[in-house]
Amino acid sequence: MALRLDGVVPGSVALVGVPLDFNSSFLRGPALAPARIREALFSGSSNAFAEDGTEVLNGRLLDAGDVAVPVGATAFDAVEKGVAEVLERGARALCLGGDHSVTFPIVRAHAAHHPGLEILHFDAHPDLYDQLDGNPFSHASPFARIMESRLASRLVQVGIRTLNPHQREQARRFGVEIVEMRDFSSELRFEFAGPVYVTIDLDALDPAFAPGVSHHEAGGLSVREILRVLERSPGRVVGADVVELNPLRDLAGVTAAVAAKLVKELAARMLR
């Protein structure tokens, strides 16, 4: 499926697939995720409405297809260009990964259109490695690249439960606000003054809620807890992604259905 922009109009939210997983450090499979998330989203197993009453699947959430991602050094440029084309049409991009490395070029496109961008990041891992296994563009490194490039004025991470000394130092270096899972509260909320980009790595969730990921990390968030933080944190959400679904590890499509639920709720927030 190629990127198609004919129906993308100002004020809409465009669903953009980014089928890239060659920066994964453990298992491949997330490149298959955009198709699985679409299948769950448009399956008819649930209705068109988000929880706040917004009718999402009524033509306001448009499927713009997938970015054609080459393997190699030009991949990120292709992703950035595809997302930028959506933003240039006055729409908002809701991207389906792919591994988490795709967030770097997606955010690069958003930062050019939204100065002062703030990021709300849900994950088991902070993804702040300077490099992993010799790869500075690993799915374990996107936020190091984002922050050193000054693409975001603020980075807030929720659900983290794998911090090591290197990543703690990176967090201090970049001024990252981290809410570790052991400190999580159901009353958690954030105030965002500028435009907000939301990125959800599905392994932020406990494996009981999202078994179809490459890196199972017990002790995580529930779907409801992510939704509650989103709802309790006012701000203008200008873009988002849902990443790291690995359909090869999913059970009965459970994680794809969770991803589709998050996509619908994010779309409603972006359409406000």
Protein backbone atom coordinates (compact mmCIF):
# COMPACT_ATOMS: atom_id res chain seq x y z
CA MET A 1 0.00 0.00 0.00
CA ALA A 2 1.51 3.35 -1.08
CA LEU A 3 0.96 6.74 0.52
CA ARG A 4 -2.12 8.37 -0.98
CA LEU A 5 -3.02 11.94 -0.16
CA ASP A 6 -5.93 12.79 -2.48
CA GLY A 7 -8.48 12.68 0.33
CA VAL A 8 -6.32 14.36 2.98
CA VAL A 9 -7.89 17.73 3.75
CA PRO A 10 -7.31 20.47 6.34
CA GLY A 11 -8.65 19.56 9.76
CA SER A 12 -8.62 15.82 9.16
CA VAL A 13 -6.45 13.18 10.79
CA ALA A 14 -4.50 11.01 8.37
CA LEU A 15 -3.57 7.46 9.30
CA VAL A 16 -0.03 6.88 7.99
CA GLY A 17 1.62 3.45 8.10
CA VAL A 18 5.38 3.23 8.57
CA PRO A 19 6.29 -0.44 7.96
CA LEU A 20 9.89 -0.34 9.16
CA ASP A 21 11.52 -2.74 11.62
CA PHE A 22 15.14 -3.12 10.54
CA ASN A 23 16.25 -1.03 13.52
CA SER A 24 14.79 -3.59 15.94
CA SER A 25 17.37 -5.06 18.31
CA PHE A 26 15.71 -8.37 19.21
CA LEU A 27 12.98 -9.57 16.85
CA ARG A 28 11.55 -8.50 13.52
CA GLY A 29 7.81 -8.25 12.95
CA PRO A 30 6.65 -4.66 13.63
CA ALA A 31 6.81 -3.87 9.90
CA LEU A 32 3.70 -6.05 9.60
CA ALA A 33 1.81 -3.98 12.17
CA PRO A 34 0.14 -1.21 10.13
CA ALA A 35 -1.97 -3.71 8.19
CA ARG A 36 -2.98 -5.56 11.37
CA ILE A 37 -3.97 -2.36 13.19
CA ARG A 38 -6.08 -1.22 10.23
CA GLU A 39 -7.74 -4.63 10.10
CA ALA A 40 -8.74 -4.34 13.75
CA LEU A 41 -9.76 -0.68 13.48
CA PHE A 42 -12.06 -1.15 10.50
CA SER A 43 -13.28 -4.67 11.32
CA GLY A 44 -16.70 -3.65 12.58
CA SER A 45 -16.11 -5.33 15.93
CA SER A 46 -16.68 -1.97 17.63
CA ASN A 47 -18.51 1.17 16.56
CA ALA A 48 -17.20 4.42 15.11
CA PHE A 49 -17.19 6.41 18.35
CA ALA A 50 -14.44 7.24 20.83
CA GLU A 51 -15.22 7.39 24.54
CA ASP A 52 -15.74 11.17 24.52
CA GLY A 53 -18.52 10.80 21.95
CA THR A 54 -16.44 11.84 18.93
CA GLU A 55 -17.43 9.92 15.80
CA VAL A 56 -13.99 9.00 14.49
CA LEU A 57 -14.69 6.53 11.70
CA ASN A 58 -16.92 8.84 9.69
CA GLY A 59 -14.48 10.25 7.16
CA ARG A 60 -12.56 12.52 9.53
CA LEU A 61 -9.95 9.83 10.16
CA LEU A 62 -8.59 9.15 6.70
CA ASP A 63 -6.42 6.19 5.73
CA ALA A 64 -3.50 7.68 3.80
CA GLY A 65 -1.78 4.35 3.25
CA ASP A 66 1.84 3.52 3.99
CA VAL A 67 5.07 5.37 3.40
CA ALA A 68 7.20 3.46 0.91
CA VAL A 69 10.20 2.77 3.13
CA PRO A 70 13.48 1.81 1.46
CA VAL A 71 15.96 -0.26 3.44
CA GLY A 72 19.05 1.71 4.36
CA ALA A 73 20.23 5.24 4.96
CA THR A 74 17.42 6.97 3.04
CA ALA A 75 14.59 5.34 5.01
CA PHE A 76 14.24 8.11 7.58
CA ASP A 77 14.22 10.77 4.85
CA ALA A 78 11.34 8.94 3.15
CA VAL A 79 9.39 8.78 6.41
CA GLU A 80 9.96 12.45 7.19
CA LYS A 81 8.95 13.47 3.66
CA GLY A 82 5.76 11.40 3.73
CA VAL A 83 4.65 12.81 7.08
CA ALA A 84 5.59 16.35 6.02
CA GLU A 85 3.33 16.02 2.97
CA VAL A 86 0.39 15.26 5.27
CA LEU A 87 1.17 18.24 7.52
CA GLU A 88 1.57 20.56 4.54
CA ARG A 89 -2.04 19.79 3.60
CA GLY A 90 -3.23 21.11 6.96
CA ALA A 91 -4.02 17.66 8.33
CA ARG A 92 -2.61 15.86 11.35
CA ALA A 93 -0.67 12.62 11.09
CA LEU A 94 -1.41 9.60 13.25
CA CYS A 95 1.33 7.12 12.42
CA LEU A 96 1.36 3.33 12.77
CA GLY A 97 4.76 1.75 13.34
CA GLY A 98 6.93 -0.05 12.76
CA ASP A 99 9.56 -0.12 15.45
CA HIS A 100 10.15 2.89 17.66
CA SER A 101 13.01 4.22 15.55
CA VAL A 102 10.36 5.71 13.23
CA THR A 103 9.45 8.32 15.83
CA PHE A 104 12.67 10.27 15.14
CA PRO A 105 11.87 11.17 11.50
CA ILE A 106 8.17 11.60 12.30
CA VAL A 107 8.99 14.10 15.05
CA ARG A 108 11.50 15.80 12.75
CA ALA A 109 8.63 16.51 10.35
CA HIS A 110 6.38 17.76 13.15
CA ALA A 111 9.03 20.00 14.69
CA ALA A 112 9.35 21.89 11.40
CA HIS A 113 5.63 22.72 11.54
CA HIS A 114 5.15 23.09 15.30
CA PRO A 115 7.86 25.08 17.12
CA GLY A 116 8.07 24.38 20.84
CA LEU A 117 6.87 20.80 20.40
CA GLU A 118 6.39 18.82 23.64
CA ILE A 119 6.38 15.01 23.72
CA LEU A 120 4.34 12.67 25.91
CA HIS A 121 5.88 9.19 25.65
CA PHE A 122 4.48 5.92 27.03
CA ASP A 123 6.97 3.04 27.14
CA ALA A 124 8.62 0.37 29.25
CA HIS A 125 11.96 1.68 27.98
CA PRO A 126 13.27 5.26 27.82
CA ASP A 127 14.89 4.66 24.38
CA LEU A 128 17.66 7.10 25.22
CA TYR A 129 20.70 4.99 24.30
CA ASP A 130 23.36 6.95 22.50
CA GLN A 131 23.63 3.82 20.37
CA LEU A 132 22.75 0.15 20.77
CA ASP A 133 24.80 -2.61 19.14
CA GLY A 134 26.62 0.05 17.15
CA ASN A 135 23.41 1.51 15.71
CA PRO A 136 22.71 5.14 16.69
CA PHE A 137 19.33 4.88 14.95
CA SER A 138 18.21 1.78 16.86
CA HIS A 139 14.66 1.59 18.17
CA ALA A 140 16.37 2.01 21.55
CA SER A 141 17.75 5.44 20.58
CA PRO A 142 15.10 7.72 19.00
CA PHE A 143 14.77 10.06 21.96
CA ALA A 144 18.51 10.58 22.20
CA ARG A 145 18.43 11.71 18.56
CA ILE A 146 15.33 13.85 19.09
CA MET A 147 16.67 15.64 22.15
CA GLU A 148 20.20 16.19 20.90
CA SER A 149 18.70 17.65 17.70
CA ARG A 150 16.54 19.96 19.83
CA LEU A 151 13.38 18.85 18.08
CA ALA A 152 11.38 18.98 21.30
CA SER A 153 11.31 21.52 24.11
CA ARG A 154 10.12 18.92 26.61
CA LEU A 155 10.04 15.12 26.88
CA VAL A 156 7.80 13.39 29.43
CA GLN A 157 8.06 9.60 29.75
CA VAL A 158 5.51 7.41 31.54
CA GLY A 159 5.64 3.71 32.45
CA ILE A 160 9.42 3.31 32.39
CA ARG A 161 10.74 0.25 34.22
CA THR A 162 14.11 -0.59 32.61
CA LEU A 163 16.39 2.33 33.43
CA ASN A 164 20.11 1.55 33.57
CA PRO A 165 22.96 3.93 34.54
CA HIS A 166 23.65 5.03 30.95
CA GLN A 167 20.04 5.93 30.29
CA ARG A 168 19.69 7.68 33.65
CA GLU A 169 22.65 9.83 32.70
CA GLN A 170 21.11 10.51 29.28
CA ALA A 171 17.87 11.54 30.97
CA ARG A 172 19.77 13.98 33.19
CA ARG A 173 21.70 15.29 30.20
CA PHE A 174 18.54 16.06 28.22
CA GLY A 175 16.33 17.11 31.13
CA VAL A 176 13.83 14.30 30.54
CA GLU A 177 10.90 14.04 32.97
CA ILE A 178 10.47 10.35 33.79
CA VAL A 179 7.63 8.76 35.72
CA GLU A 180 8.90 5.26 36.47
CA MET A 181 6.26 2.58 36.73
CA ARG A 182 7.05 2.02 40.40
CA ASP A 183 6.05 5.65 41.04
CA PHE A 184 2.98 5.68 38.82
CA SER A 185 -0.26 7.08 40.27
CA SER A 186 -3.74 6.92 38.81
CA GLU A 187 -3.99 10.64 39.57
CA LEU A 188 -1.05 11.49 37.30
CA ARG A 189 -1.55 14.48 35.03
CA PHE A 190 0.59 16.89 33.05
CA GLU A 191 0.08 20.45 31.84
CA PHE A 192 1.31 21.17 28.33
CA ALA A 193 1.66 24.75 27.17
CA GLY A 194 2.75 24.07 23.61
CA PRO A 195 1.81 21.66 20.83
CA VAL A 196 1.96 18.03 22.01
CA TYR A 197 3.13 14.91 20.20
CA VAL A 198 2.05 11.58 21.78
CA THR A 199 4.02 8.40 21.17
CA ILE A 200 2.82 5.05 22.53
CA ASP A 201 5.08 2.03 22.50
CA LEU A 202 2.76 -0.89 23.14
CA ASP A 203 5.24 -2.50 25.53
CA ALA A 204 4.38 0.32 27.94
CA LEU A 205 1.42 -1.93 28.67
CA ASP A 206 1.74 -4.95 30.89
CA PRO A 207 2.03 -8.11 28.73
CA ALA A 208 -1.36 -9.17 30.09
CA PHE A 209 -2.88 -6.36 28.00
CA ALA A 210 -0.45 -6.43 25.06
CA PRO A 211 1.22 -9.81 24.51
CA GLY A 212 2.02 -9.03 20.88
CA VAL A 213 5.24 -7.09 21.38
CA SER A 214 8.88 -8.05 20.95
CA HIS A 215 10.01 -7.03 24.43
CA HIS A 216 7.74 -8.31 27.22
CA GLU A 217 8.29 -6.31 30.39
CA ALA A 218 6.00 -7.28 33.26
CA GLY A 219 4.61 -4.77 35.73
CA GLY A 220 3.33 -2.28 33.17
CA LEU A 221 0.39 -0.01 32.53
CA SER A 222 -3.18 -1.00 31.75
CA VAL A 223 -5.04 0.37 28.75
CA ARG A 224 -7.27 2.35 31.10
CA GLU A 225 -4.27 3.95 32.83
CA ILE A 226 -2.89 5.23 29.52
CA LEU A 227 -6.29 6.61 28.55
CA ARG A 228 -6.66 8.26 31.94
CA VAL A 229 -3.30 10.05 31.67
CA LEU A 230 -4.22 11.26 28.17
CA GLU A 231 -7.59 12.53 29.32
CA ARG A 232 -6.21 14.22 32.45
CA SER A 233 -3.41 16.02 30.60
CA PRO A 234 -4.72 19.03 28.69
CA GLY A 235 -2.87 20.20 25.63
CA ARG A 236 -3.20 20.52 21.86
CA VAL A 237 -2.25 17.15 20.38
CA VAL A 238 -0.86 17.81 16.89
CA GLY A 239 0.47 14.35 16.08
CA ALA A 240 0.87 10.85 17.44
CA ASP A 241 2.15 7.36 16.80
CA VAL A 242 1.46 3.83 18.04
CA VAL A 243 4.47 1.57 17.59
CA GLU A 244 6.06 -1.81 18.32
CA LEU A 245 3.11 -4.14 17.70
CA ASN A 246 4.63 -7.45 16.62
CA PRO A 247 1.84 -9.48 14.99
CA LEU A 248 4.07 -12.56 14.97
CA ARG A 249 3.75 -12.68 18.77
CA ASP A 250 0.14 -11.58 19.13
CA LEU A 251 -2.55 -13.83 20.60
CA ALA A 252 -5.91 -13.87 18.78
CA GLY A 253 -5.33 -10.28 17.65
CA VAL A 254 -5.57 -8.96 21.21
CA THR A 255 -2.72 -6.47 20.90
CA ALA A 256 -3.86 -5.29 17.47
CA ALA A 257 -7.28 -4.57 19.01
CA VAL A 258 -5.61 -2.62 21.83
CA ALA A 259 -3.63 -0.63 19.26
CA ALA A 260 -6.82 0.11 17.32
CA LYS A 261 -8.51 1.32 20.52
CA LEU A 262 -5.60 3.67 21.23
CA VAL A 263 -5.66 4.93 17.65
CA LYS A 264 -9.37 5.74 17.92
CA GLU A 265 -8.93 7.61 21.21
CA LEU A 266 -5.88 9.50 19.93
CA ALA A 267 -7.74 10.46 16.76
CA ALA A 268 -10.63 11.84 18.83
CA ARG A 269 -8.20 13.91 20.86
CA MET A 270 -6.52 15.22 17.67
CA LEU A 271 -9.90 16.15 16.16
CA ARG A 272 -10.93 18.39 19.06
